[in-house]
Amino acid sequence: MRLALGGEVSSRWHNVVDMVITRLLMIGLFLGAVFLFAGPSAASPLTDEIRTALIGIVQDSVDSQIRLSGRLEVNGGALFPVYRQNDFTPFWHHELGLTPLARQWIDQLRSSSDEGLCSDDYRLPLLEALHDFEADSLRYGVLFDPHYQAILDLLLTDSFFRYAGDLLGDEQPQVDLLRRLLARVLREGSFETVPAALEPSHAEYRILREQLHRLQRLAALGGWEIVPAAETLRFGDAGVAVDLLKRRLVLDEDLAPLDAVEDEGFGGKTDAAVRSFQRRHGLRADGVVGLRTFAELNVPVEQRLRTIEQNMQRWRSMPASLGARHIRVNIAGFQLEVHEGDEVVMTMPVVVGTGYRKTPQFSATMRYLIFAPYWNVPPTILREDKLPKIKADPGWLVRHHYEIVPWKKREQGAALDPYRIDWSRIDARNFPGLLRQRPGRWNPLGRVKFMLPNRHAVYLHDTDSPHLFASEQRLFSSGCIRLERPEDLAQYLLVENGDWTCDRLFDALERSSEYRVDLPETLPVHIVYWTAWVDSAGKMQWRPDIYQRDTDLEVSWRQRFEQLRYRQTAEDEVKTDP
């Protein structure tokens, strides 16, 4: 699955597809003319001829690649077993030619943009041309060559599997699942239930799709005008730029159309609308339209559409169930939310990893808390930050409350004497033990950490640097997630949903020695990266692509498109990669 690409790529696609289709159709016309007005014979029904052609194509194929007439290839990993189980009977043809379901499927692919998908990913131009040519041939009494009917059958099935995999958020879905889904469609004779059966069940996905459709309608009308970037626009200003600003705010639903008319110049209602726009884009809501606000106002609607499509893809990759009660941390939004059913019961700002040490996306289960935690220095930080300081001055360890615990005596807590170690012979590979910082106000984990065992060694914790929460873009950690109000989350977990009292929690937060507390009920935690979402108030939210993961996702889609591209070989043949 990928985004709709720019005009140059799309044009190149259609030019080459035209060339492929022309060659295929010339061959088809020539072979079809041999059977002019012949029609399928009683001894050799059309489906038997297509079945024979399918068997021949598979026998001529190499490894997992199905070679179609020496020119086209499709990945046979899913198609081989499905056609074998069906005894190579075609799925999309019957005795009279193409089934009505084939046309229905092509129509379904035309509307793939409704799901944030791109029809070119499923070879729609080629499918349409082959389908129409076969239909026209039969209409005029010309029997289209069964070999090319077999090709069309394989391409239709391949496109169905690709589409299903994209909606499932799985590039390699189970073959048996695809087979059952195809059998269901063939049995019901309709694709109407396919998207609903495959797409995420989360309400947030459906709401985001509604916003996609809203922006698609806006794009079809030409999008929005550029608001010229003046030095600033603020309350009390007037003029053409203010008029353009108000029209832009109306299109984004921050300003009601009637309010835009009634508000003279940059009045109070426009000021409130600007602040709303700024909050929705993660900007400081000061009502002043400066460079950053102008930049967000002038992002093209096409780019906004791409961002929504990328975030819909992320939703397709989420677990089917997030948990009736769960925690979400949005890296790009610098925000934690606690969800109970459809309700958000707690939110708080967070600090996430720097651009160099990015916080990963994953789901895990929170199982326990540790009060007065030691900070175990991660290997990367040990190698890059701490070890050079220790080798230069072993006393640095003592002054900054660090200790080295031998690996074999870690549980005993017996620390090594840093002055008795020959640091000239030590590097990150032979470091003599675990480097950790003792509990206290100097400790970057603060008073408590929330443990969700995972392969990334990422967890949630308090901080010794609360001033960082005043920043708009909070990219300061080494990958773990710092909480602005960890005591509130601890209270929610242990007091409101446990048997602790507030006094007991206060005492635990003031401890000076490490203390583990298992949660009375484990809690799913989802660390996500959403640059576009609809909040609990129904407001569309946008955030910068701080880690360039939107960009990376678009690159991967472009690479997939290139793998499907047609290229001319030295023999002047056209071939498609798997």
Protein backbone atom coordinates (compact mmCIF):
# COMPACT_ATOMS: atom_id res chain seq x y z
CA MET A 1 0.00 0.00 0.00
CA ARG A 2 1.23 3.49 -0.80
CA LEU A 3 0.10 7.03 -1.33
CA ALA A 4 -1.06 8.48 -4.60
CA LEU A 5 2.20 9.65 -6.15
CA GLY A 6 3.04 12.78 -8.08
CA GLY A 7 2.20 13.46 -11.70
CA GLU A 8 5.58 12.43 -13.09
CA VAL A 9 5.47 8.94 -11.56
CA SER A 10 1.79 8.48 -12.37
CA SER A 11 2.38 9.58 -15.96
CA ARG A 12 5.31 7.19 -16.34
CA TRP A 13 3.14 4.38 -14.96
CA HIS A 14 0.36 4.98 -17.46
CA ASN A 15 2.74 5.38 -20.41
CA VAL A 16 4.40 2.04 -19.73
CA VAL A 17 1.10 0.34 -18.93
CA ASP A 18 -0.22 1.55 -22.29
CA MET A 19 2.77 -0.08 -23.97
CA VAL A 20 2.22 -3.37 -22.13
CA ILE A 21 -1.48 -3.40 -22.87
CA THR A 22 -0.90 -2.64 -26.55
CA ARG A 23 1.44 -5.61 -26.88
CA LEU A 24 -0.83 -7.97 -24.99
CA LEU A 25 -3.90 -6.89 -26.90
CA MET A 26 -2.19 -7.20 -30.28
CA ILE A 27 -1.32 -10.79 -29.42
CA GLY A 28 -4.80 -11.37 -28.02
CA LEU A 29 -6.43 -9.92 -31.13
CA PHE A 30 -4.33 -12.11 -33.40
CA LEU A 31 -5.07 -15.28 -31.46
CA GLY A 32 -8.68 -14.29 -30.92
CA ALA A 33 -9.19 -13.81 -34.64
CA VAL A 34 -8.34 -17.46 -35.20
CA PHE A 35 -11.44 -18.38 -33.22
CA LEU A 36 -13.68 -15.73 -34.72
CA PHE A 37 -17.30 -16.71 -34.07
CA ALA A 38 -16.10 -20.12 -32.88
CA GLY A 39 -17.31 -19.87 -29.29
CA PRO A 40 -16.46 -22.48 -26.64
CA SER A 41 -16.90 -26.06 -27.78
CA ALA A 42 -18.99 -28.54 -25.84
CA ALA A 43 -16.06 -30.94 -25.54
CA SER A 44 -13.75 -28.27 -24.19
CA PRO A 45 -15.62 -25.72 -22.07
CA LEU A 46 -13.99 -22.36 -21.65
CA THR A 47 -13.18 -22.93 -17.98
CA ASP A 48 -11.35 -26.16 -18.86
CA GLU A 49 -9.24 -24.28 -21.38
CA ILE A 50 -8.41 -21.58 -18.84
CA ARG A 51 -7.65 -24.28 -16.26
CA THR A 52 -5.22 -25.92 -18.68
CA ALA A 53 -3.59 -22.54 -19.28
CA LEU A 54 -3.29 -21.93 -15.53
CA ILE A 55 -1.57 -25.28 -15.05
CA GLY A 56 0.82 -24.49 -17.87
CA ILE A 57 1.71 -21.10 -16.43
CA VAL A 58 2.47 -22.61 -13.04
CA GLN A 59 4.54 -25.44 -14.53
CA ASP A 60 6.63 -22.92 -16.46
CA SER A 61 7.21 -20.78 -13.37
CA VAL A 62 10.39 -20.68 -11.33
CA ASP A 63 10.46 -20.89 -7.53
CA SER A 64 7.69 -18.70 -6.10
CA GLN A 65 7.33 -16.54 -9.19
CA ILE A 66 4.43 -17.00 -11.56
CA ARG A 67 5.56 -15.88 -15.00
CA LEU A 68 2.74 -14.58 -17.14
CA SER A 69 3.44 -14.97 -20.86
CA GLY A 70 7.13 -14.16 -20.36
CA ARG A 71 6.26 -10.53 -19.72
CA LEU A 72 4.49 -10.26 -16.37
CA GLU A 73 5.32 -11.84 -13.05
CA VAL A 74 3.37 -12.03 -9.81
CA ASN A 75 4.41 -13.38 -6.45
CA GLY A 76 3.16 -16.93 -6.34
CA GLY A 77 3.66 -17.49 -2.61
CA ALA A 78 -0.05 -16.99 -1.98
CA LEU A 79 -1.43 -17.82 -5.43
CA PHE A 80 0.16 -21.27 -5.87
CA PRO A 81 -1.59 -23.01 -2.95
CA VAL A 82 -4.92 -21.28 -3.51
CA TYR A 83 -5.17 -22.31 -7.15
CA ARG A 84 -3.92 -25.81 -6.36
CA GLN A 85 -6.60 -26.23 -3.69
CA ASN A 86 -9.15 -25.12 -6.28
CA ASP A 87 -7.80 -27.68 -8.77
CA PHE A 88 -6.74 -24.73 -10.96
CA THR A 89 -10.34 -23.86 -11.72
CA PRO A 90 -10.42 -20.11 -12.47
CA PHE A 91 -11.98 -17.88 -9.83
CA TRP A 92 -13.12 -15.06 -12.10
CA HIS A 93 -14.34 -16.92 -15.20
CA HIS A 94 -17.20 -19.25 -16.03
CA GLU A 95 -18.45 -20.91 -19.21
CA LEU A 96 -19.50 -17.58 -20.72
CA GLY A 97 -16.30 -15.71 -19.90
CA LEU A 98 -15.73 -13.22 -17.11
CA THR A 99 -18.04 -13.38 -14.13
CA PRO A 100 -19.96 -10.25 -13.05
CA LEU A 101 -17.87 -10.42 -9.88
CA ALA A 102 -14.74 -9.53 -11.86
CA ARG A 103 -16.23 -6.19 -12.89
CA GLN A 104 -17.45 -5.63 -9.33
CA TRP A 105 -13.91 -6.18 -8.06
CA ILE A 106 -12.42 -3.70 -10.52
CA ASP A 107 -15.07 -1.18 -9.44
CA GLN A 108 -14.08 -1.85 -5.83
CA LEU A 109 -10.44 -1.11 -6.65
CA ARG A 110 -11.46 2.19 -8.21
CA SER A 111 -12.77 3.29 -4.81
CA SER A 112 -9.67 2.15 -2.89
CA SER A 113 -8.84 5.80 -2.15
CA ASP A 114 -11.83 5.77 0.22
CA GLU A 115 -9.66 3.59 2.48
CA GLY A 116 -6.53 5.67 2.00
CA LEU A 117 -5.12 3.16 -0.51
CA CYS A 118 -3.87 3.68 -4.07
CA SER A 119 -5.45 1.76 -6.94
CA ASP A 120 -2.19 1.69 -8.93
CA ASP A 121 -0.78 -0.65 -6.29
CA TYR A 122 -3.19 -3.28 -7.58
CA ARG A 123 -2.44 -2.78 -11.32
CA LEU A 124 -5.87 -1.26 -11.91
CA PRO A 125 -5.05 0.23 -15.36
CA LEU A 126 -3.90 -3.15 -16.66
CA LEU A 127 -6.84 -5.00 -15.10
CA GLU A 128 -9.31 -2.57 -16.65
CA ALA A 129 -7.77 -2.86 -20.11
CA LEU A 130 -7.60 -6.67 -20.09
CA HIS A 131 -11.10 -6.95 -18.63
CA ASP A 132 -12.62 -4.59 -21.19
CA PHE A 133 -10.84 -6.21 -24.11
CA GLU A 134 -11.97 -9.70 -23.11
CA ALA A 135 -15.53 -8.49 -22.56
CA ASP A 136 -15.56 -6.74 -25.95
CA SER A 137 -14.07 -9.78 -27.69
CA LEU A 138 -16.79 -12.07 -26.39
CA ARG A 139 -19.47 -9.49 -27.16
CA TYR A 140 -18.44 -9.54 -30.83
CA GLY A 141 -18.00 -13.29 -31.01
CA VAL A 142 -14.21 -13.35 -30.71
CA LEU A 143 -12.83 -15.89 -28.26
CA PHE A 144 -10.09 -14.26 -26.24
CA ASP A 145 -7.05 -16.56 -25.94
CA PRO A 146 -7.46 -18.74 -22.77
CA HIS A 147 -3.82 -18.07 -21.92
CA TYR A 148 -4.56 -14.38 -21.49
CA GLN A 149 -7.78 -15.17 -19.68
CA ALA A 150 -5.66 -17.17 -17.24
CA ILE A 151 -3.33 -14.18 -16.89
CA LEU A 152 -6.28 -11.93 -16.08
CA ASP A 153 -7.58 -14.47 -13.56
CA LEU A 154 -4.22 -14.56 -11.78
CA LEU A 155 -3.89 -10.77 -11.81
CA LEU A 156 -7.38 -10.35 -10.35
CA THR A 157 -6.62 -12.81 -7.55
CA ASP A 158 -3.23 -11.21 -6.91
CA SER A 159 -4.84 -7.77 -6.65
CA PHE A 160 -7.46 -9.13 -4.25
CA PHE A 161 -4.77 -10.60 -1.99
CA ARG A 162 -2.72 -7.40 -2.06
CA TYR A 163 -5.75 -5.29 -1.22
CA ALA A 164 -6.78 -7.61 1.61
CA GLY A 165 -3.25 -7.61 3.01
CA ASP A 166 -3.12 -3.82 2.95
CA LEU A 167 -6.42 -3.47 4.80
CA LEU A 168 -5.21 -6.03 7.33
CA GLY A 169 -2.02 -4.01 7.82
CA ASP A 170 -0.02 -7.15 7.01
CA GLU A 171 2.28 -7.40 3.99
CA GLN A 172 2.36 -11.20 4.33
CA PRO A 173 -1.05 -12.33 5.61
CA GLN A 174 -1.73 -16.02 6.10
CA VAL A 175 -2.60 -17.77 2.86
CA ASP A 176 -5.42 -19.70 4.50
CA LEU A 177 -7.01 -16.45 5.66
CA LEU A 178 -6.86 -15.05 2.13
CA ARG A 179 -8.30 -18.25 0.70
CA ARG A 180 -11.23 -18.22 3.14
CA LEU A 181 -11.89 -14.56 2.41
CA LEU A 182 -11.88 -15.14 -1.35
CA ALA A 183 -14.17 -18.16 -0.94
CA ARG A 184 -16.58 -16.04 1.08
CA VAL A 185 -16.66 -13.33 -1.57
CA LEU A 186 -17.23 -15.86 -4.35
CA ARG A 187 -19.98 -17.51 -2.33
CA GLU A 188 -21.75 -14.25 -1.49
CA GLY A 189 -21.16 -12.73 -4.91
CA SER A 190 -20.35 -9.31 -3.45
CA PHE A 191 -17.43 -7.25 -2.13
CA GLU A 192 -19.54 -4.88 -0.07
CA THR A 193 -18.50 -6.48 3.22
CA VAL A 194 -14.79 -6.81 2.39
CA PRO A 195 -13.52 -3.47 3.79
CA ALA A 196 -15.63 -3.81 6.95
CA ALA A 197 -14.35 -7.36 7.48
CA LEU A 198 -10.69 -6.36 7.14
CA GLU A 199 -10.32 -2.80 8.38
CA PRO A 200 -9.61 -1.99 12.06
CA SER A 201 -12.65 -2.05 14.33
CA HIS A 202 -11.39 0.98 16.27
CA ALA A 203 -13.73 3.97 16.20
CA GLU A 204 -10.71 6.27 15.82
CA TYR A 205 -9.90 4.68 12.47
CA ARG A 206 -13.41 5.27 11.15
CA ILE A 207 -13.41 8.87 12.36
CA LEU A 208 -10.02 9.47 10.74
CA ARG A 209 -11.39 8.03 7.50
CA GLU A 210 -14.26 10.54 7.66
CA GLN A 211 -11.67 13.32 7.84
CA LEU A 212 -9.92 11.76 4.84
CA HIS A 213 -13.15 11.97 2.86
CA ARG A 214 -13.71 15.58 3.97
CA LEU A 215 -10.27 16.61 2.75
CA GLN A 216 -10.70 14.61 -0.47
CA ARG A 217 -13.81 16.68 -1.19
CA LEU A 218 -11.88 19.86 -0.43
CA ALA A 219 -9.03 18.76 -2.70
CA ALA A 220 -11.50 18.09 -5.51
CA LEU A 221 -12.67 21.71 -5.17
CA GLY A 222 -9.12 23.03 -5.37
CA GLY A 223 -8.02 22.92 -1.73
CA TRP A 224 -7.34 26.18 0.10
CA GLU A 225 -5.67 29.43 -0.78
CA ILE A 226 -2.21 30.39 0.42
CA VAL A 227 -2.24 32.90 3.26
CA PRO A 228 0.68 35.25 2.47
CA ALA A 229 3.21 35.19 5.30
CA ALA A 230 3.29 38.71 6.69
CA GLU A 231 5.48 39.52 9.70
CA THR A 232 2.57 38.72 12.01
CA LEU A 233 -1.19 38.90 12.12
CA ARG A 234 -2.91 39.53 15.43
CA PHE A 235 -6.03 40.85 17.12
CA GLY A 236 -7.09 44.20 15.67
CA ASP A 237 -5.47 43.74 12.25
CA ALA A 238 -7.41 44.06 9.00
CA GLY A 239 -6.83 43.73 5.28
CA VAL A 240 -6.59 41.14 2.52
CA ALA A 241 -4.31 38.81 4.53
CA VAL A 242 -6.83 38.75 7.39
CA ASP A 243 -9.65 37.97 4.96
CA LEU A 244 -7.64 35.06 3.53
CA LEU A 245 -6.83 33.89 7.05
CA LYS A 246 -10.51 33.82 7.99
CA ARG A 247 -11.45 31.87 4.86
CA ARG A 248 -8.71 29.37 5.67
CA LEU A 249 -9.95 28.97 9.26
CA VAL A 250 -13.49 28.37 7.99
CA LEU A 251 -12.29 25.54 5.74
CA ASP A 252 -10.55 23.90 8.70
CA GLU A 253 -13.70 24.32 10.84
CA ASP A 254 -11.99 26.50 13.44
CA LEU A 255 -14.19 29.46 12.50
CA ALA A 256 -17.90 29.27 11.72
CA PRO A 257 -18.85 30.88 8.37
CA LEU A 258 -21.31 33.27 10.04
CA ASP A 259 -18.70 34.30 12.63
CA ALA A 260 -16.24 35.04 9.83
CA VAL A 261 -18.74 37.48 8.32
CA GLU A 262 -19.79 39.09 11.59
CA ASP A 263 -16.27 39.43 13.02
CA GLU A 264 -14.85 42.72 11.77
CA GLY A 265 -11.24 42.19 10.69
CA PHE A 266 -9.16 40.19 13.16
CA GLY A 267 -11.71 40.35 15.96
CA GLY A 268 -12.41 38.25 19.01
CA LYS A 269 -13.94 35.32 17.16
CA THR A 270 -11.05 35.19 14.73
CA ASP A 271 -8.63 35.36 17.65
CA ALA A 272 -10.36 32.37 19.28
CA ALA A 273 -10.28 30.51 15.97
CA VAL A 274 -6.53 31.14 15.56
CA ARG A 275 -5.90 29.80 19.07
CA SER A 276 -7.97 26.72 18.27
CA PHE A 277 -5.97 26.18 15.08
CA GLN A 278 -2.70 26.56 16.98
CA ARG A 279 -3.72 24.06 19.67
CA ARG A 280 -4.73 21.54 17.01
CA HIS A 281 -1.29 21.83 15.42
CA GLY A 282 0.75 21.59 18.61
CA LEU A 283 1.68 25.29 18.60
CA ARG A 284 1.65 27.77 21.45
CA ALA A 285 -1.91 29.10 21.47
CA ASP A 286 -1.13 32.82 21.75
CA GLY A 287 -3.45 34.04 18.97
CA VAL A 288 -0.55 35.56 17.04
CA VAL A 289 -0.09 34.31 13.49
CA GLY A 290 3.69 34.09 13.09
CA LEU A 291 6.03 32.03 10.94
CA ARG A 292 5.14 28.63 12.41
CA THR A 293 1.40 29.28 12.24
CA PHE A 294 1.72 30.53 8.66
CA ALA A 295 3.66 27.36 7.81
CA GLU A 296 0.88 25.14 9.17
CA LEU A 297 -1.83 27.19 7.47
CA ASN A 298 -0.11 26.77 4.11
CA VAL A 299 0.52 23.03 4.16
CA PRO A 300 -1.18 21.85 0.93
CA VAL A 301 -4.32 19.77 1.28
CA GLU A 302 -2.60 17.00 -0.71
CA GLN A 303 0.07 16.72 1.98
CA ARG A 304 -2.59 16.60 4.68
CA LEU A 305 -4.26 13.76 2.78
CA ARG A 306 -0.98 11.85 2.65
CA THR A 307 -0.51 12.31 6.38
CA ILE A 308 -3.97 10.92 7.11
CA GLU A 309 -3.31 7.95 4.81
CA GLN A 310 -0.06 7.23 6.65
CA ASN A 311 -1.77 7.32 10.03
CA MET A 312 -4.61 5.12 8.80
CA GLN A 313 -1.91 2.62 7.87
CA ARG A 314 -0.57 2.80 11.43
CA TRP A 315 -4.03 2.07 12.77
CA ARG A 316 -4.21 -0.98 10.51
CA SER A 317 -1.04 -2.25 12.18
CA MET A 318 -2.43 -1.81 15.71
CA PRO A 319 -3.63 -4.80 17.78
CA ALA A 320 -7.26 -5.73 17.13
CA SER A 321 -8.04 -5.01 20.78
CA LEU A 322 -6.26 -2.24 22.68
CA GLY A 323 -7.77 -3.31 26.00
CA ALA A 324 -10.90 -2.04 27.72
CA ARG A 325 -8.57 -0.11 30.03
CA HIS A 326 -5.22 0.89 28.57
CA ILE A 327 -2.55 3.56 28.25
CA ARG A 328 -1.57 5.28 25.02
CA VAL A 329 1.55 7.35 24.57
CA ASN A 330 1.68 9.33 21.34
CA ILE A 331 5.33 10.08 20.62
CA ALA A 332 4.63 12.76 18.01
CA GLY A 333 2.00 14.38 20.24
CA PHE A 334 4.18 14.29 23.41
CA GLN A 335 1.09 13.08 25.28
CA LEU A 336 -0.04 10.20 27.49
CA GLU A 337 -3.68 9.18 27.75
CA VAL A 338 -5.39 6.66 30.01
CA HIS A 339 -8.44 5.14 28.35
CA GLU A 340 -11.38 3.38 29.95
CA GLY A 341 -13.64 2.15 27.18
CA ASP A 342 -14.44 5.13 24.98
CA GLU A 343 -13.51 7.66 27.66
CA VAL A 344 -10.15 9.37 28.25
CA VAL A 345 -9.82 9.58 32.04
CA MET A 346 -6.32 11.06 32.28
CA THR A 347 -3.90 12.96 30.08
CA MET A 348 -0.46 14.37 30.73
CA PRO A 349 2.52 15.72 28.77
CA VAL A 350 5.52 13.47 28.23
CA VAL A 351 9.14 13.79 27.15
CA VAL A 352 10.31 11.35 24.46
CA GLY A 353 13.60 10.35 22.85
CA THR A 354 15.83 12.69 20.92
CA GLY A 355 16.19 12.50 17.17
CA TYR A 356 19.35 10.47 17.78
CA ARG A 357 17.80 8.11 20.36
CA LYS A 358 14.26 7.76 19.12
CA THR A 359 11.48 6.26 21.20
CA PRO A 360 10.25 3.12 19.38
CA GLN A 361 6.66 2.19 18.56
CA PHE A 362 5.40 -0.97 20.26
CA SER A 363 2.74 -2.47 22.50
CA ALA A 364 3.49 -4.09 25.84
CA THR A 365 1.94 -4.78 29.24
CA MET A 366 2.62 -2.73 32.37
CA ARG A 367 3.20 -5.20 35.22
CA TYR A 368 4.86 -3.43 38.13
CA LEU A 369 6.22 -0.18 39.54
CA ILE A 370 9.55 0.50 41.20
CA PHE A 371 9.78 3.29 43.74
CA ALA A 372 13.16 4.92 44.45
CA PRO A 373 14.62 3.18 41.40
CA TYR A 374 18.23 2.75 40.52
CA TRP A 375 19.05 3.99 37.05
CA ASN A 376 20.76 1.18 35.15
CA VAL A 377 22.83 2.91 32.50
CA PRO A 378 22.04 1.50 29.01
CA PRO A 379 24.98 0.14 26.98
CA THR A 380 24.84 2.94 24.39
CA ILE A 381 24.92 5.68 27.02
CA LEU A 382 27.68 3.84 28.89
CA ARG A 383 29.82 3.62 25.77
CA GLU A 384 29.19 7.11 24.40
CA ASP A 385 28.63 9.27 27.48
CA LYS A 386 29.77 7.74 30.75
CA LEU A 387 32.85 5.64 30.02
CA PRO A 388 35.00 8.53 28.70
CA LYS A 389 34.27 10.51 31.89
CA ILE A 390 35.05 7.54 34.15
CA LYS A 391 38.34 6.79 32.40
CA ALA A 392 39.37 10.42 32.69
CA ASP A 393 38.48 10.60 36.41
CA PRO A 394 37.25 7.55 38.40
CA GLY A 395 36.19 9.95 41.16
CA TRP A 396 33.47 11.18 38.81
CA LEU A 397 31.54 8.01 39.70
CA VAL A 398 31.49 8.81 43.40
CA ARG A 399 30.65 12.49 43.01
CA HIS A 400 27.66 11.71 40.79
CA HIS A 401 26.30 8.83 42.91
CA TYR A 402 27.16 6.01 40.50
CA GLU A 403 28.29 2.52 41.42
CA ILE A 404 29.48 -0.55 39.56
CA VAL A 405 27.93 -3.84 40.63
CA PRO A 406 29.67 -7.06 39.45
CA TRP A 407 27.50 -9.06 37.10
CA LYS A 408 27.64 -12.21 39.25
CA LYS A 409 26.87 -10.32 42.47
CA ARG A 410 24.27 -7.97 41.09
CA GLU A 411 21.51 -9.12 43.45
CA GLN A 412 23.79 -8.70 46.46
CA GLY A 413 24.47 -5.09 45.56
CA ALA A 414 28.18 -5.22 46.43
CA ALA A 415 29.79 -2.33 44.54
CA LEU A 416 33.32 -2.34 43.13
CA ASP A 417 35.90 0.23 44.20
CA PRO A 418 36.46 2.39 41.07
CA TYR A 419 39.95 3.33 42.26
CA ARG A 420 41.09 -0.31 42.21
CA ILE A 421 40.21 -0.81 38.53
CA ASP A 422 42.80 -0.39 35.76
CA TRP A 423 40.67 1.82 33.54
CA SER A 424 43.29 1.91 30.79
CA ARG A 425 42.34 -1.69 29.97
CA ILE A 426 38.55 -1.20 30.12
CA ASP A 427 36.18 -0.53 27.24
CA ALA A 428 32.45 -1.06 26.73
CA ARG A 429 32.96 -4.73 25.82
CA ASN A 430 34.78 -5.74 29.01
CA PHE A 431 33.17 -3.31 31.47
CA PRO A 432 33.42 -5.03 34.87
CA GLY A 433 29.76 -4.84 35.88
CA LEU A 434 26.48 -2.98 35.80
CA LEU A 435 26.83 0.80 35.98
CA ARG A 436 23.91 2.27 37.91
CA GLN A 437 23.03 5.49 39.70
CA ARG A 438 21.69 5.34 43.23
CA PRO A 439 18.16 6.57 44.09
CA GLY A 440 17.83 10.26 44.93
CA ARG A 441 17.01 13.68 43.54
CA TRP A 442 19.99 13.39 41.15
CA ASN A 443 18.57 10.26 39.53
CA PRO A 444 17.05 10.87 36.05
CA LEU A 445 14.29 8.34 36.79
CA GLY A 446 13.03 10.42 39.69
CA ARG A 447 10.87 8.78 42.36
CA VAL A 448 9.16 5.99 40.40
CA LYS A 449 9.28 4.06 37.16
CA PHE A 450 6.52 2.06 35.49
CA MET A 451 7.72 -1.21 34.05
CA LEU A 452 6.38 -2.79 30.86
CA PRO A 453 8.91 -5.50 29.92
CA ASN A 454 9.84 -5.23 26.24
CA ARG A 455 12.77 -5.87 23.92
CA HIS A 456 13.48 -2.14 23.62
CA ALA A 457 14.13 -1.70 27.37
CA VAL A 458 11.79 1.32 27.28
CA TYR A 459 9.63 2.27 30.26
CA LEU A 460 7.77 5.24 31.75
CA HIS A 461 9.24 7.20 34.64
CA ASP A 462 9.47 10.36 36.73
CA THR A 463 12.20 12.90 35.96
CA ASP A 464 14.76 15.09 37.67
CA SER A 465 14.24 17.80 35.01
CA PRO A 466 10.60 18.99 35.27
CA HIS A 467 11.42 22.28 33.55
CA LEU A 468 11.60 20.45 30.20
CA PHE A 469 7.82 20.11 30.12
CA ALA A 470 7.56 23.82 29.33
CA SER A 471 8.92 23.10 25.83
CA GLU A 472 6.54 22.54 22.91
CA GLN A 473 8.64 19.80 21.31
CA ARG A 474 9.91 17.63 24.14
CA LEU A 475 12.68 15.56 22.52
CA PHE A 476 15.12 15.18 25.39
CA SER A 477 15.24 11.57 26.64
CA SER A 478 17.39 8.63 25.60
CA GLY A 479 14.35 6.70 24.43
CA CYS A 480 12.34 6.17 27.60
CA ILE A 481 9.24 8.23 28.35
CA ARG A 482 9.28 10.85 31.10
CA LEU A 483 5.98 11.78 32.75
CA GLU A 484 5.01 15.24 33.96
CA ARG A 485 2.80 13.88 36.77
CA PRO A 486 3.96 10.35 37.60
CA GLU A 487 2.32 10.53 41.03
CA ASP A 488 -1.09 10.90 39.33
CA LEU A 489 -0.53 7.78 37.25
CA ALA A 490 0.68 5.87 40.32
CA GLN A 491 -2.42 6.97 42.22
CA TYR A 492 -4.65 5.83 39.38
CA LEU A 493 -2.97 2.41 39.28
CA LEU A 494 -2.57 1.71 43.00
CA VAL A 495 -5.22 3.75 44.81
CA GLU A 496 -8.13 4.17 42.41
CA ASN A 497 -7.67 0.68 40.94
CA GLY A 498 -5.98 -1.04 43.86
CA ASP A 499 -6.05 -1.25 47.65
CA TRP A 500 -3.47 1.42 48.47
CA THR A 501 -4.22 4.57 50.42
CA CYS A 502 -2.95 8.02 49.48
CA ASP A 503 -0.74 8.04 52.60
CA ARG A 504 0.88 4.76 51.58
CA LEU A 505 1.54 6.13 48.11
CA PHE A 506 3.05 9.33 49.56
CA ASP A 507 5.38 7.25 51.76
CA ALA A 508 6.45 5.14 48.77
CA LEU A 509 7.26 8.25 46.75
CA GLU A 510 9.51 9.48 49.58
CA ARG A 511 11.49 6.25 49.95
CA SER A 512 15.26 6.26 49.64
CA SER A 513 15.66 2.54 48.89
CA GLU A 514 14.37 0.64 45.90
CA TYR A 515 10.92 -0.94 46.33
CA ARG A 516 8.97 -3.03 43.80
CA VAL A 517 5.16 -3.14 43.70
CA ASP A 518 3.30 -5.52 41.39
CA LEU A 519 0.14 -4.09 39.89
CA PRO A 520 -3.13 -5.64 41.10
CA GLU A 521 -4.17 -5.73 37.43
CA THR A 522 -1.80 -5.51 34.48
CA LEU A 523 -2.46 -2.82 31.91
CA PRO A 524 -1.84 -2.74 28.12
CA VAL A 525 0.39 0.12 26.99
CA HIS A 526 0.60 1.25 23.37
CA ILE A 527 3.48 3.50 22.32
CA VAL A 528 2.30 5.00 19.04
CA TYR A 529 3.44 7.58 16.50
CA TRP A 530 0.45 9.56 15.27
CA THR A 531 0.96 12.77 13.33
CA ALA A 532 -2.76 13.01 12.54
CA TRP A 533 -5.69 11.92 14.70
CA VAL A 534 -9.12 13.01 15.89
CA ASP A 535 -9.20 13.78 19.61
CA SER A 536 -11.94 12.89 22.10
CA ALA A 537 -13.64 16.24 21.40
CA GLY A 538 -13.87 15.44 17.69
CA LYS A 539 -11.12 17.91 16.72
CA MET A 540 -8.63 17.04 13.99
CA GLN A 541 -5.11 17.13 15.41
CA TRP A 542 -1.87 17.50 13.43
CA ARG A 543 1.71 17.22 14.63
CA PRO A 544 5.13 17.56 12.97
CA ASP A 545 6.87 14.41 11.75
CA ILE A 546 9.57 14.71 14.43
CA TYR A 547 11.31 11.42 13.60
CA GLN A 548 10.71 11.53 9.81
CA ARG A 549 8.68 8.34 10.11
CA ASP A 550 5.99 9.68 7.78
CA THR A 551 8.76 10.30 5.27
CA ASP A 552 10.16 6.79 5.80
CA LEU A 553 6.71 5.29 5.29
CA GLU A 554 6.22 7.16 2.04
CA VAL A 555 9.65 6.01 0.85
CA SER A 556 8.71 2.39 1.57
CA TRP A 557 5.50 2.85 -0.42
CA ARG A 558 7.45 4.31 -3.32
CA GLN A 559 9.82 1.34 -3.19
CA ARG A 560 6.89 -1.02 -3.34
CA PHE A 561 5.56 0.89 -6.33
CA GLU A 562 8.96 0.58 -8.02
CA GLN A 563 8.91 -3.18 -7.42
CA LEU A 564 5.65 -3.31 -9.38
CA ARG A 565 6.85 -1.04 -12.15
CA TYR A 566 7.16 -2.21 -15.71
CA ARG A 567 10.53 -2.00 -17.37
CA GLN A 568 11.69 -2.77 -20.89
CA THR A 569 14.28 -5.55 -21.16
CA ALA A 570 17.12 -5.89 -23.64
CA GLU A 571 14.89 -8.14 -25.76
CA ASP A 572 12.35 -5.30 -25.92
CA GLU A 573 10.01 -7.28 -23.67
CA VAL A 574 8.17 -5.87 -20.70
CA LYS A 575 8.35 -7.54 -17.33
CA THR A 576 7.02 -6.91 -13.85
CA ASP A 577 8.95 -7.67 -10.67
CA PRO A 578 7.20 -9.52 -7.82
